[in-house]
Amino acid sequence: EYVDASKITAPVMAHWAEQDGAFAIAGVDALEAKLAESGVRYTGHRYLAQHGFANETAQGPGRIAMTQYDAAWAEMAYDRSMAFFGANLR
């Protein structure tokens, strides 16, 4: 409800953690439907990971609850982001 997708003119990419306790995947489904309905050029990726999976500080006993760094998923998200930027930023 807080996104007016009709005003989005740039391509959008998102990375979602399917085991995210802070942001339910149902919210992702709703957002993706709204973006599609508005014709937004959207690329979304889902990872079998927890919140903060790309944050290197989200590991060990000092990490914030519900977060867990995952090096493999983080690398994939980074690579996908760099490819997206290469294709869309000129």
C-alpha atoms as a PDB file:
ATOM      1  CA  GLU A   1       0.000   0.000   0.000  1.00  0.00           C
ATOM      2  CA  TYR A   2       2.924   2.337   0.595  1.00  0.00           C
ATOM      3  CA  VAL A   3       4.239   1.872  -2.956  1.00  0.00           C
ATOM      4  CA  ASP A   4       2.706   3.790  -5.844  1.00  0.00           C
ATOM      5  CA  ALA A   5       4.083   1.531  -8.551  1.00  0.00           C
ATOM      6  CA  SER A   6       2.554   3.659 -11.301  1.00  0.00           C
ATOM      7  CA  LYS A   7       5.256   6.275 -10.626  1.00  0.00           C
ATOM      8  CA  ILE A   8       8.186   3.878 -11.032  1.00  0.00           C
ATOM      9  CA  THR A   9       9.990   4.496 -14.319  1.00  0.00           C
ATOM     10  CA  ALA A  10      13.368   2.855 -13.718  1.00  0.00           C
ATOM     11  CA  PRO A  11      14.078  -0.871 -13.715  1.00  0.00           C
ATOM     12  CA  VAL A  12      13.904  -2.425 -10.248  1.00  0.00           C
ATOM     13  CA  MET A  13      15.761  -5.404  -8.804  1.00  0.00           C
ATOM     14  CA  ALA A  14      15.150  -7.015  -5.437  1.00  0.00           C
ATOM     15  CA  HIS A  15      16.671  -9.852  -3.439  1.00  0.00           C
ATOM     16  CA  TRP A  16      14.390 -11.635  -0.983  1.00  0.00           C
ATOM     17  CA  ALA A  17      15.129 -14.111   1.796  1.00  0.00           C
ATOM     18  CA  GLU A  18      12.468 -16.814   1.911  1.00  0.00           C
ATOM     19  CA  GLN A  19      13.120 -17.485   5.605  1.00  0.00           C
ATOM     20  CA  ASP A  20      12.991 -13.806   6.575  1.00  0.00           C
ATOM     21  CA  GLY A  21      11.327 -13.427   9.960  1.00  0.00           C
ATOM     22  CA  ALA A  22      11.252  -9.634   9.593  1.00  0.00           C
ATOM     23  CA  PHE A  23       9.492  -9.432   6.217  1.00  0.00           C
ATOM     24  CA  ALA A  24       6.998 -12.137   5.336  1.00  0.00           C
ATOM     25  CA  ILE A  25       7.256 -13.638   1.865  1.00  0.00           C
ATOM     26  CA  ALA A  26       3.513 -12.990   1.440  1.00  0.00           C
ATOM     27  CA  GLY A  27       4.395  -9.290   1.412  1.00  0.00           C
ATOM     28  CA  VAL A  28       6.866  -9.974  -1.381  1.00  0.00           C
ATOM     29  CA  ASP A  29       4.165 -11.765  -3.363  1.00  0.00           C
ATOM     30  CA  ALA A  30       1.829  -8.781  -2.978  1.00  0.00           C
ATOM     31  CA  LEU A  31       4.522  -6.272  -3.942  1.00  0.00           C
ATOM     32  CA  GLU A  32       5.553  -8.276  -6.999  1.00  0.00           C
ATOM     33  CA  ALA A  33       1.922  -8.494  -8.119  1.00  0.00           C
ATOM     34  CA  LYS A  34       1.568  -4.724  -7.755  1.00  0.00           C
ATOM     35  CA  LEU A  35       4.736  -4.104  -9.760  1.00  0.00           C
ATOM     36  CA  ALA A  36       3.598  -6.478 -12.513  1.00  0.00           C
ATOM     37  CA  GLU A  37       0.158  -4.863 -12.634  1.00  0.00           C
ATOM     38  CA  SER A  38       1.780  -1.465 -13.149  1.00  0.00           C
ATOM     39  CA  GLY A  39       4.148  -2.713 -15.844  1.00  0.00           C
ATOM     40  CA  VAL A  40       7.289  -2.039 -13.827  1.00  0.00           C
ATOM     41  CA  ARG A  41      10.452  -3.578 -15.286  1.00  0.00           C
ATOM     42  CA  TYR A  42      11.149  -5.761 -12.272  1.00  0.00           C
ATOM     43  CA  THR A  43      13.582  -8.565 -11.591  1.00  0.00           C
ATOM     44  CA  GLY A  44      13.205 -10.393  -8.294  1.00  0.00           C
ATOM     45  CA  HIS A  45      15.322 -13.147  -6.821  1.00  0.00           C
ATOM     46  CA  ARG A  46      14.457 -15.340  -3.850  1.00  0.00           C
ATOM     47  CA  TYR A  47      16.987 -17.156  -1.727  1.00  0.00           C
ATOM     48  CA  LEU A  48      16.559 -19.956   0.790  1.00  0.00           C
ATOM     49  CA  ALA A  49      18.078 -17.720   3.422  1.00  0.00           C
ATOM     50  CA  GLN A  50      17.356 -15.580   6.459  1.00  0.00           C
ATOM     51  CA  HIS A  51      17.132 -11.805   6.857  1.00  0.00           C
ATOM     52  CA  GLY A  52      20.511 -10.145   6.358  1.00  0.00           C
ATOM     53  CA  PHE A  53      21.917 -12.997   4.286  1.00  0.00           C
ATOM     54  CA  ALA A  54      24.206 -10.598   2.389  1.00  0.00           C
ATOM     55  CA  ASN A  55      25.411  -8.755   5.502  1.00  0.00           C
ATOM     56  CA  GLU A  56      28.808 -10.065   6.595  1.00  0.00           C
ATOM     57  CA  THR A  57      28.250  -8.801  10.150  1.00  0.00           C
ATOM     58  CA  ALA A  58      25.164 -11.028  10.517  1.00  0.00           C
ATOM     59  CA  GLN A  59      27.103 -14.029  11.760  1.00  0.00           C
ATOM     60  CA  GLY A  60      28.332 -15.383  15.055  1.00  0.00           C
ATOM     61  CA  PRO A  61      27.017 -14.837  18.565  1.00  0.00           C
ATOM     62  CA  GLY A  62      26.910 -11.029  18.255  1.00  0.00           C
ATOM     63  CA  ARG A  63      24.538 -10.971  15.282  1.00  0.00           C
ATOM     64  CA  ILE A  64      21.054  -9.508  15.496  1.00  0.00           C
ATOM     65  CA  ALA A  65      18.345 -12.110  16.055  1.00  0.00           C
ATOM     66  CA  MET A  66      16.608 -13.344  12.873  1.00  0.00           C
ATOM     67  CA  THR A  67      19.676 -12.565  10.738  1.00  0.00           C
ATOM     68  CA  GLN A  68      22.216 -14.954   9.271  1.00  0.00           C
ATOM     69  CA  TYR A  69      24.922 -14.234   6.730  1.00  0.00           C
ATOM     70  CA  ASP A  70      25.209 -16.770   3.912  1.00  0.00           C
ATOM     71  CA  ALA A  71      28.313 -16.317   1.765  1.00  0.00           C
ATOM     72  CA  ALA A  72      27.037 -18.348  -1.196  1.00  0.00           C
ATOM     73  CA  TRP A  73      23.716 -16.509  -1.477  1.00  0.00           C
ATOM     74  CA  ALA A  74      25.433 -13.169  -0.824  1.00  0.00           C
ATOM     75  CA  GLU A  75      27.847 -13.785  -3.695  1.00  0.00           C
ATOM     76  CA  MET A  76      25.003 -14.753  -6.020  1.00  0.00           C
ATOM     77  CA  ALA A  77      23.019 -11.640  -5.065  1.00  0.00           C
ATOM     78  CA  TYR A  78      26.104  -9.466  -5.610  1.00  0.00           C
ATOM     79  CA  ASP A  79      26.831 -10.999  -9.017  1.00  0.00           C
ATOM     80  CA  ARG A  80      23.215 -10.576 -10.089  1.00  0.00           C
ATOM     81  CA  SER A  81      23.225  -6.969  -8.899  1.00  0.00           C
ATOM     82  CA  MET A  82      26.408  -6.143 -10.805  1.00  0.00           C
ATOM     83  CA  ALA A  83      24.960  -7.683 -13.988  1.00  0.00           C
ATOM     84  CA  PHE A  84      21.739  -5.708 -13.474  1.00  0.00           C
ATOM     85  CA  PHE A  85      23.663  -2.454 -12.981  1.00  0.00           C
ATOM     86  CA  GLY A  86      25.786  -3.189 -16.047  1.00  0.00           C
ATOM     87  CA  ALA A  87      22.671  -3.694 -18.142  1.00  0.00           C
ATOM     88  CA  ASN A  88      20.677  -0.756 -16.797  1.00  0.00           C
ATOM     89  CA  LEU A  89      23.046   2.040 -15.748  1.00  0.00           C
ATOM     90  CA  ARG A  90      24.454   3.994 -18.632  1.00  0.00           C
END
